[in-house]
Amino acid sequence: MIPREGLYIADEVFLTGSAAEITPVRSVDGIRIGNGRPGPISRKIRRAFLKIVEEGKDPFGWLDFI
């Protein structure tokens, strides 16, 4: 559990999910997170995720192609 106040002061926040993939969060309760844009960590994680699912470059063996 993360207290709501912890999100207000975070440098970056992102959500993950099968449809959302990696989605940066710009604000919580109208309070801007960081500078209101995706941060370097969110961008790096998103790039790595997309490389795995779109290009099949899976160094961890997570994918099962069906």
PDB file of N, CA and C in Angstrom:
ATOM      1  N   MET A   1       0.842  -1.189   0.000  1.00  0.00           N
ATOM      2  CA  MET A   1       0.000   0.000   0.000  1.00  0.00           C
ATOM      3  C   MET A   1       0.883   1.248   0.000  1.00  0.00           C
ATOM      4  N   ILE A   2       0.527   2.179  -0.852  1.00  0.00           N
ATOM      5  CA  ILE A   2       1.229   3.455  -0.926  1.00  0.00           C
ATOM      6  C   ILE A   2       0.244   4.542  -0.490  1.00  0.00           C
ATOM      7  N   PRO A   3       0.619   5.333   0.498  1.00  0.00           N
ATOM      8  CA  PRO A   3      -0.297   6.405   0.880  1.00  0.00           C
ATOM      9  C   PRO A   3      -0.447   7.415  -0.261  1.00  0.00           C
ATOM     10  N   ARG A   4      -1.620   7.946  -0.417  1.00  0.00           N
ATOM     11  CA  ARG A   4      -1.928   8.894  -1.482  1.00  0.00           C
ATOM     12  C   ARG A   4      -0.922  10.043  -1.507  1.00  0.00           C
ATOM     13  N   GLU A   5      -0.524  10.518  -0.343  1.00  0.00           N
ATOM     14  CA  GLU A   5       0.423  11.623  -0.249  1.00  0.00           C
ATOM     15  C   GLU A   5       1.767  11.274  -0.874  1.00  0.00           C
ATOM     16  N   GLY A   6       2.130   9.997  -0.839  1.00  0.00           N
ATOM     17  CA  GLY A   6       3.371   9.544  -1.457  1.00  0.00           C
ATOM     18  C   GLY A   6       3.360   9.747  -2.963  1.00  0.00           C
ATOM     19  N   LEU A   7       2.192   9.616  -3.576  1.00  0.00           N
ATOM     20  CA  LEU A   7       2.076   9.849  -5.005  1.00  0.00           C
ATOM     21  C   LEU A   7       2.242  11.329  -5.333  1.00  0.00           C
ATOM     22  N   TYR A   8       1.746  12.184  -4.459  1.00  0.00           N
ATOM     23  CA  TYR A   8       1.825  13.632  -4.702  1.00  0.00           C
ATOM     24  C   TYR A   8       3.267  14.122  -4.803  1.00  0.00           C
ATOM     25  N   ILE A   9       4.172  13.493  -4.081  1.00  0.00           N
ATOM     26  CA  ILE A   9       5.555  13.967  -4.053  1.00  0.00           C
ATOM     27  C   ILE A   9       6.502  13.118  -4.903  1.00  0.00           C
ATOM     28  N   ALA A  10       5.943  12.151  -5.613  1.00  0.00           N
ATOM     29  CA  ALA A  10       6.770  11.266  -6.437  1.00  0.00           C
ATOM     30  C   ALA A  10       7.355  12.011  -7.629  1.00  0.00           C
ATOM     31  N   ASP A  11       8.554  11.613  -8.047  1.00  0.00           N
ATOM     32  CA  ASP A  11       9.156  12.157  -9.263  1.00  0.00           C
ATOM     33  C   ASP A  11       8.449  11.611 -10.501  1.00  0.00           C
ATOM     34  N   GLU A  12       8.034  10.339 -10.431  1.00  0.00           N
ATOM     35  CA  GLU A  12       7.353   9.688 -11.549  1.00  0.00           C
ATOM     36  C   GLU A  12       6.348   8.692 -10.993  1.00  0.00           C
ATOM     37  N   VAL A  13       5.259   8.519 -11.732  1.00  0.00           N
ATOM     38  CA  VAL A  13       4.258   7.490 -11.424  1.00  0.00           C
ATOM     39  C   VAL A  13       3.828   6.913 -12.763  1.00  0.00           C
ATOM     40  N   PHE A  14       3.696   5.576 -12.829  1.00  0.00           N
ATOM     41  CA  PHE A  14       3.144   4.970 -14.032  1.00  0.00           C
ATOM     42  C   PHE A  14       2.310   3.772 -13.629  1.00  0.00           C
ATOM     43  N   LEU A  15       1.386   3.408 -14.504  1.00  0.00           N
ATOM     44  CA  LEU A  15       0.520   2.261 -14.302  1.00  0.00           C
ATOM     45  C   LEU A  15       0.879   1.195 -15.327  1.00  0.00           C
ATOM     46  N   THR A  16       0.628  -0.046 -14.980  1.00  0.00           N
ATOM     47  CA  THR A  16       0.854  -1.137 -15.919  1.00  0.00           C
ATOM     48  C   THR A  16      -0.392  -1.993 -16.007  1.00  0.00           C
ATOM     49  N   GLY A  17      -0.543  -2.657 -17.121  1.00  0.00           N
ATOM     50  CA  GLY A  17      -1.662  -3.564 -17.311  1.00  0.00           C
ATOM     51  C   GLY A  17      -1.590  -4.163 -18.696  1.00  0.00           C
ATOM     52  N   SER A  18      -2.358  -5.204 -18.929  1.00  0.00           N
ATOM     53  CA  SER A  18      -2.281  -5.880 -20.228  1.00  0.00           C
ATOM     54  C   SER A  18      -2.732  -4.969 -21.364  1.00  0.00           C
ATOM     55  N   ALA A  19      -3.713  -4.123 -21.152  1.00  0.00           N
ATOM     56  CA  ALA A  19      -4.146  -3.191 -22.196  1.00  0.00           C
ATOM     57  C   ALA A  19      -3.408  -1.858 -22.091  1.00  0.00           C
ATOM     58  N   ALA A  20      -3.105  -1.427 -20.887  1.00  0.00           N
ATOM     59  CA  ALA A  20      -2.454  -0.125 -20.682  1.00  0.00           C
ATOM     60  C   ALA A  20      -0.965  -0.185 -20.972  1.00  0.00           C
ATOM     61  N   GLU A  21      -0.397  -1.381 -20.937  1.00  0.00           N
ATOM     62  CA  GLU A  21       1.045  -1.574 -21.085  1.00  0.00           C
ATOM     63  C   GLU A  21       1.773  -0.761 -20.016  1.00  0.00           C
ATOM     64  N   ILE A  22       2.512   0.269 -20.384  1.00  0.00           N
ATOM     65  CA  ILE A  22       3.181   1.157 -19.422  1.00  0.00           C
ATOM     66  C   ILE A  22       2.626   2.556 -19.692  1.00  0.00           C
ATOM     67  N   THR A  23       1.849   3.090 -18.754  1.00  0.00           N
ATOM     68  CA  THR A  23       1.196   4.378 -18.965  1.00  0.00           C
ATOM     69  C   THR A  23       1.629   5.375 -17.900  1.00  0.00           C
ATOM     70  N   PRO A  24       2.362   6.417 -18.290  1.00  0.00           N
ATOM     71  CA  PRO A  24       2.760   7.443 -17.320  1.00  0.00           C
ATOM     72  C   PRO A  24       1.532   8.180 -16.772  1.00  0.00           C
ATOM     73  N   VAL A  25       1.618   8.592 -15.522  1.00  0.00           N
ATOM     74  CA  VAL A  25       0.552   9.352 -14.868  1.00  0.00           C
ATOM     75  C   VAL A  25       1.014  10.799 -14.764  1.00  0.00           C
ATOM     76  N   ARG A  26       0.213  11.721 -15.280  1.00  0.00           N
ATOM     77  CA  ARG A  26       0.582  13.137 -15.257  1.00  0.00           C
ATOM     78  C   ARG A  26       0.199  13.821 -13.948  1.00  0.00           C
ATOM     79  N   SER A  27      -0.939  13.401 -13.368  1.00  0.00           N
ATOM     80  CA  SER A  27      -1.386  14.046 -12.136  1.00  0.00           C
ATOM     81  C   SER A  27      -2.237  13.079 -11.325  1.00  0.00           C
ATOM     82  N   VAL A  28      -2.316  13.349 -10.032  1.00  0.00           N
ATOM     83  CA  VAL A  28      -3.161  12.598  -9.111  1.00  0.00           C
ATOM     84  C   VAL A  28      -3.971  13.625  -8.331  1.00  0.00           C
ATOM     85  N   ASP A  29      -5.276  13.501  -8.384  1.00  0.00           N
ATOM     86  CA  ASP A  29      -6.164  14.453  -7.706  1.00  0.00           C
ATOM     87  C   ASP A  29      -5.888  15.890  -8.134  1.00  0.00           C
ATOM     88  N   GLY A  30      -5.520  16.064  -9.405  1.00  0.00           N
ATOM     89  CA  GLY A  30      -5.242  17.400  -9.920  1.00  0.00           C
ATOM     90  C   GLY A  30      -3.873  17.944  -9.552  1.00  0.00           C
ATOM     91  N   ILE A  31      -3.072  17.159  -8.837  1.00  0.00           N
ATOM     92  CA  ILE A  31      -1.722  17.564  -8.440  1.00  0.00           C
ATOM     93  C   ILE A  31      -0.735  16.972  -9.446  1.00  0.00           C
ATOM     94  N   ARG A  32       0.031  17.840 -10.091  1.00  0.00           N
ATOM     95  CA  ARG A  32       0.972  17.400 -11.117  1.00  0.00           C
ATOM     96  C   ARG A  32       2.071  16.536 -10.508  1.00  0.00           C
ATOM     97  N   ILE A  33       2.386  15.446 -11.193  1.00  0.00           N
ATOM     98  CA  ILE A  33       3.467  14.549 -10.790  1.00  0.00           C
ATOM     99  C   ILE A  33       4.726  14.989 -11.527  1.00  0.00           C
ATOM    100  N   GLY A  34       5.795  15.241 -10.789  1.00  0.00           N
ATOM    101  CA  GLY A  34       7.049  15.694 -11.397  1.00  0.00           C
ATOM    102  C   GLY A  34       6.802  16.943 -12.216  1.00  0.00           C
ATOM    103  N   ASN A  35       7.229  16.907 -13.489  1.00  0.00           N
ATOM    104  CA  ASN A  35       6.999  18.050 -14.365  1.00  0.00           C
ATOM    105  C   ASN A  35       5.776  17.862 -15.253  1.00  0.00           C
ATOM    106  N   GLY A  36       4.984  16.817 -14.957  1.00  0.00           N
ATOM    107  CA  GLY A  36       3.768  16.568 -15.722  1.00  0.00           C
ATOM    108  C   GLY A  36       3.985  15.816 -17.021  1.00  0.00           C
ATOM    109  N   ARG A  37       5.205  15.357 -17.235  1.00  0.00           N
ATOM    110  CA  ARG A  37       5.553  14.607 -18.447  1.00  0.00           C
ATOM    111  C   ARG A  37       6.177  13.280 -18.044  1.00  0.00           C
ATOM    112  N   PRO A  38       6.183  12.295 -18.959  1.00  0.00           N
ATOM    113  CA  PRO A  38       6.844  11.026 -18.624  1.00  0.00           C
ATOM    114  C   PRO A  38       8.314  11.271 -18.278  1.00  0.00           C
ATOM    115  N   GLY A  39       8.768  10.661 -17.187  1.00  0.00           N
ATOM    116  CA  GLY A  39      10.144  10.826 -16.745  1.00  0.00           C
ATOM    117  C   GLY A  39      11.071   9.808 -17.382  1.00  0.00           C
ATOM    118  N   PRO A  40      12.363   9.918 -17.119  1.00  0.00           N
ATOM    119  CA  PRO A  40      13.341   9.021 -17.748  1.00  0.00           C
ATOM    120  C   PRO A  40      13.166   7.556 -17.363  1.00  0.00           C
ATOM    121  N   ILE A  41      12.757   7.272 -16.151  1.00  0.00           N
ATOM    122  CA  ILE A  41      12.579   5.879 -15.737  1.00  0.00           C
ATOM    123  C   ILE A  41      11.369   5.281 -16.447  1.00  0.00           C
ATOM    124  N   SER A  42      10.258   6.015 -16.478  1.00  0.00           N
ATOM    125  CA  SER A  42       9.061   5.532 -17.179  1.00  0.00           C
ATOM    126  C   SER A  42       9.353   5.282 -18.655  1.00  0.00           C
ATOM    127  N   ARG A  43      10.072   6.204 -19.278  1.00  0.00           N
ATOM    128  CA  ARG A  43      10.403   6.042 -20.702  1.00  0.00           C
ATOM    129  C   ARG A  43      11.294   4.827 -20.927  1.00  0.00           C
ATOM    130  N   LYS A  44      12.259   4.615 -20.056  1.00  0.00           N
ATOM    131  CA  LYS A  44      13.175   3.472 -20.206  1.00  0.00           C
ATOM    132  C   LYS A  44      12.423   2.146 -20.028  1.00  0.00           C
ATOM    133  N   ILE A  45      11.557   2.080 -19.033  1.00  0.00           N
ATOM    134  CA  ILE A  45      10.779   0.857 -18.813  1.00  0.00           C
ATOM    135  C   ILE A  45       9.848   0.599 -19.988  1.00  0.00           C
ATOM    136  N   ARG A  46       9.210   1.650 -20.497  1.00  0.00           N
ATOM    137  CA  ARG A  46       8.309   1.494 -21.652  1.00  0.00           C
ATOM    138  C   ARG A  46       9.074   0.990 -22.877  1.00  0.00           C
ATOM    139  N   ARG A  47      10.251   1.556 -23.145  1.00  0.00           N
ATOM    140  CA  ARG A  47      11.059   1.103 -24.290  1.00  0.00           C
ATOM    141  C   ARG A  47      11.423  -0.370 -24.145  1.00  0.00           C
ATOM    142  N   ALA A  48      11.844  -0.764 -22.941  1.00  0.00           N
ATOM    143  CA  ALA A  48      12.222  -2.165 -22.711  1.00  0.00           C
ATOM    144  C   ALA A  48      11.014  -3.082 -22.897  1.00  0.00           C
ATOM    145  N   PHE A  49       9.872  -2.674 -22.374  1.00  0.00           N
ATOM    146  CA  PHE A  49       8.644  -3.464 -22.510  1.00  0.00           C
ATOM    147  C   PHE A  49       8.274  -3.634 -23.984  1.00  0.00           C
ATOM    148  N   LEU A  50       8.277  -2.533 -24.726  1.00  0.00           N
ATOM    149  CA  LEU A  50       7.896  -2.607 -26.139  1.00  0.00           C
ATOM    150  C   LEU A  50       8.868  -3.457 -26.948  1.00  0.00           C
ATOM    151  N   LYS A  51      10.139  -3.406 -26.613  1.00  0.00           N
ATOM    152  CA  LYS A  51      11.125  -4.243 -27.296  1.00  0.00           C
ATOM    153  C   LYS A  51      10.791  -5.726 -27.090  1.00  0.00           C
ATOM    154  N   ILE A  52      10.380  -6.052 -25.884  1.00  0.00           N
ATOM    155  CA  ILE A  52      10.040  -7.448 -25.587  1.00  0.00           C
ATOM    156  C   ILE A  52       8.776  -7.876 -26.328  1.00  0.00           C
ATOM    157  N   VAL A  53       7.694  -7.093 -26.214  1.00  0.00           N
ATOM    158  CA  VAL A  53       6.423  -7.551 -26.780  1.00  0.00           C
ATOM    159  C   VAL A  53       6.289  -7.323 -28.279  1.00  0.00           C
ATOM    160  N   GLU A  54       6.918  -6.300 -28.821  1.00  0.00           N
ATOM    161  CA  GLU A  54       6.770  -6.029 -30.252  1.00  0.00           C
ATOM    162  C   GLU A  54       7.848  -6.679 -31.099  1.00  0.00           C
ATOM    163  N   GLU A  55       9.059  -6.727 -30.586  1.00  0.00           N
ATOM    164  CA  GLU A  55      10.169  -7.271 -31.374  1.00  0.00           C
ATOM    165  C   GLU A  55      10.527  -8.693 -30.968  1.00  0.00           C
ATOM    166  N   GLY A  56       9.938  -9.182 -29.880  1.00  0.00           N
ATOM    167  CA  GLY A  56      10.225 -10.526 -29.417  1.00  0.00           C
ATOM    168  C   GLY A  56      11.596 -10.672 -28.779  1.00  0.00           C
ATOM    169  N   LYS A  57      12.245  -9.543 -28.466  1.00  0.00           N
ATOM    170  CA  LYS A  57      13.564  -9.578 -27.829  1.00  0.00           C
ATOM    171  C   LYS A  57      13.374  -9.744 -26.326  1.00  0.00           C
ATOM    172  N   ASP A  58      13.233 -10.990 -25.907  1.00  0.00           N
ATOM    173  CA  ASP A  58      12.873 -11.325 -24.538  1.00  0.00           C
ATOM    174  C   ASP A  58      14.046 -12.007 -23.829  1.00  0.00           C
ATOM    175  N   PRO A  59      14.905 -11.241 -23.171  1.00  0.00           N
ATOM    176  CA  PRO A  59      16.069 -11.842 -22.517  1.00  0.00           C
ATOM    177  C   PRO A  59      15.711 -12.631 -21.263  1.00  0.00           C
ATOM    178  N   PHE A  60      14.480 -12.539 -20.815  1.00  0.00           N
ATOM    179  CA  PHE A  60      14.080 -13.196 -19.569  1.00  0.00           C
ATOM    180  C   PHE A  60      13.265 -14.475 -19.784  1.00  0.00           C
ATOM    181  N   GLY A  61      12.864 -14.741 -21.016  1.00  0.00           N
ATOM    182  CA  GLY A  61      12.062 -15.925 -21.297  1.00  0.00           C
ATOM    183  C   GLY A  61      10.629 -15.802 -20.794  1.00  0.00           C
ATOM    184  N   TRP A  62      10.101 -14.574 -20.772  1.00  0.00           N
ATOM    185  CA  TRP A  62       8.746 -14.324 -20.269  1.00  0.00           C
ATOM    186  C   TRP A  62       7.657 -14.635 -21.302  1.00  0.00           C
ATOM    187  N   LEU A  63       7.982 -14.538 -22.587  1.00  0.00           N
ATOM    188  CA  LEU A  63       6.964 -14.672 -23.618  1.00  0.00           C
ATOM    189  C   LEU A  63       6.713 -16.117 -23.983  1.00  0.00           C
ATOM    190  N   ASP A  64       5.451 -16.417 -24.182  1.00  0.00           N
ATOM    191  CA  ASP A  64       5.021 -17.687 -24.763  1.00  0.00           C
ATOM    192  C   ASP A  64       4.210 -17.345 -25.991  1.00  0.00           C
ATOM    193  N   PHE A  65       4.765 -17.557 -27.183  1.00  0.00           N
ATOM    194  CA  PHE A  65       4.064 -17.233 -28.403  1.00  0.00           C
ATOM    195  C   PHE A  65       3.001 -18.290 -28.671  1.00  0.00           C
ATOM    196  N   ILE A  66       1.816 -17.812 -28.972  1.00  0.00           N
ATOM    197  CA  ILE A  66       0.700 -18.733 -29.288  1.00  0.00           C
ATOM    198  C   ILE A  66       0.068 -18.333 -30.598  1.00  0.00           C
TER     199      ILE A  66
END
